[in-house]
């Protein structure tokens, strides 16, 4: 039973970490494109 809890928490942690990395990457890419469009 403990393993199920650990796996669930680990999966959730990895998911949230992945989302954070993705959002930072998207903001960088979007920022560059916005500068090109506005300039």
N, C-alpha and C. Protein backbone atom coordinates (compact mmCIF):
# COMPACT_ATOMS: atom_id res chain seq x y z
N UNK A 1 0.83 -1.21 0.00
CA UNK A 1 0.00 0.00 0.00
C UNK A 1 0.87 1.26 0.00
N UNK A 2 1.97 1.23 0.75
CA UNK A 2 2.85 2.40 0.79
C UNK A 2 3.42 2.71 -0.59
N UNK A 3 3.74 1.64 -1.36
CA UNK A 3 4.33 1.86 -2.70
C UNK A 3 3.36 2.61 -3.60
N UNK A 4 2.08 2.31 -3.48
CA UNK A 4 1.08 2.99 -4.31
C UNK A 4 1.09 4.49 -4.01
N UNK A 5 1.16 4.83 -2.74
CA UNK A 5 1.19 6.24 -2.33
C UNK A 5 2.46 6.91 -2.85
N UNK A 6 3.61 6.24 -2.67
CA UNK A 6 4.88 6.81 -3.14
C UNK A 6 4.87 6.99 -4.66
N UNK A 7 4.35 6.01 -5.38
CA UNK A 7 4.30 6.11 -6.84
C UNK A 7 3.39 7.24 -7.27
N UNK A 8 2.27 7.39 -6.59
CA UNK A 8 1.33 8.47 -6.93
C UNK A 8 1.96 9.83 -6.69
N UNK A 9 2.61 9.99 -5.54
CA UNK A 9 3.27 11.26 -5.23
C UNK A 9 4.42 11.54 -6.19
N UNK A 10 5.18 10.51 -6.51
CA UNK A 10 6.29 10.65 -7.44
C UNK A 10 5.80 11.05 -8.82
N UNK A 11 4.75 10.40 -9.27
CA UNK A 11 4.17 10.72 -10.58
C UNK A 11 3.64 12.14 -10.62
N UNK A 12 2.96 12.55 -9.57
CA UNK A 12 2.43 13.91 -9.49
C UNK A 12 3.57 14.92 -9.47
N UNK A 13 4.61 14.63 -8.71
CA UNK A 13 5.77 15.53 -8.64
C UNK A 13 6.44 15.69 -10.00
N UNK A 14 6.64 14.57 -10.70
CA UNK A 14 7.25 14.62 -12.03
C UNK A 14 6.37 15.39 -13.00
N UNK A 15 5.06 15.18 -12.91
CA UNK A 15 4.11 15.88 -13.78
C UNK A 15 4.20 17.39 -13.57
N UNK A 16 4.17 17.81 -12.31
CA UNK A 16 4.24 19.25 -12.00
C UNK A 16 5.57 19.84 -12.42
N UNK A 17 6.67 19.09 -12.21
CA UNK A 17 8.00 19.54 -12.62
C UNK A 17 8.04 19.72 -14.14
N UNK A 18 7.49 18.74 -14.86
CA UNK A 18 7.44 18.82 -16.32
C UNK A 18 6.63 20.01 -16.80
N UNK A 19 5.51 20.26 -16.15
CA UNK A 19 4.67 21.40 -16.53
C UNK A 19 5.41 22.71 -16.31
N UNK A 20 6.16 22.81 -15.23
CA UNK A 20 6.93 24.03 -14.93
C UNK A 20 7.99 24.26 -16.01
N UNK A 21 8.72 23.22 -16.36
CA UNK A 21 9.76 23.32 -17.39
C UNK A 21 9.13 23.73 -18.73
N UNK A 22 8.01 23.08 -19.07
CA UNK A 22 7.34 23.38 -20.34
C UNK A 22 6.87 24.83 -20.38
N UNK A 23 6.27 25.31 -19.30
CA UNK A 23 5.75 26.68 -19.29
C UNK A 23 6.88 27.70 -19.39
N UNK A 24 8.01 27.42 -18.73
CA UNK A 24 9.16 28.32 -18.84
C UNK A 24 9.69 28.34 -20.27
N UNK A 25 9.78 27.17 -20.88
CA UNK A 25 10.25 27.09 -22.27
C UNK A 25 9.32 27.82 -23.21
N UNK A 26 8.02 27.64 -23.02
CA UNK A 26 7.04 28.31 -23.89
C UNK A 26 7.11 29.82 -23.73
N UNK A 27 7.30 30.28 -22.51
CA UNK A 27 7.40 31.73 -22.28
C UNK A 27 8.62 32.30 -22.99
N UNK A 28 9.73 31.59 -22.97
CA UNK A 28 10.94 32.06 -23.65
C UNK A 28 10.71 32.13 -25.15
N UNK A 29 10.12 31.08 -25.71
CA UNK A 29 9.86 31.04 -27.15
C UNK A 29 8.86 32.13 -27.54
N UNK A 30 7.79 32.25 -26.77
CA UNK A 30 6.76 33.25 -27.06
C UNK A 30 7.35 34.65 -26.92
N UNK A 31 8.21 34.85 -25.93
CA UNK A 31 8.83 36.16 -25.72
C UNK A 31 9.66 36.58 -26.92
N UNK A 32 10.43 35.67 -27.49
CA UNK A 32 11.24 35.97 -28.66
C UNK A 32 10.36 36.32 -29.85
N UNK A 33 9.31 35.55 -30.05
CA UNK A 33 8.42 35.79 -31.19
C UNK A 33 7.70 37.12 -31.04
N UNK A 34 7.26 37.43 -29.82
CA UNK A 34 6.56 38.69 -29.59
C UNK A 34 7.48 39.87 -29.88
N UNK A 35 8.74 39.76 -29.49
CA UNK A 35 9.70 40.84 -29.76
C UNK A 35 9.88 41.02 -31.26
N UNK A 36 9.94 39.92 -32.00
CA UNK A 36 10.10 40.00 -33.45
C UNK A 36 8.88 40.65 -34.09
N UNK A 37 7.69 40.29 -33.62
CA UNK A 37 6.45 40.84 -34.18
C UNK A 37 6.35 42.33 -33.86
N UNK A 38 6.66 42.71 -32.62
CA UNK A 38 6.52 44.11 -32.21
C UNK A 38 7.62 45.01 -32.77
N UNK A 39 8.79 44.45 -33.02
CA UNK A 39 9.93 45.26 -33.48
C UNK A 39 9.80 45.65 -34.95
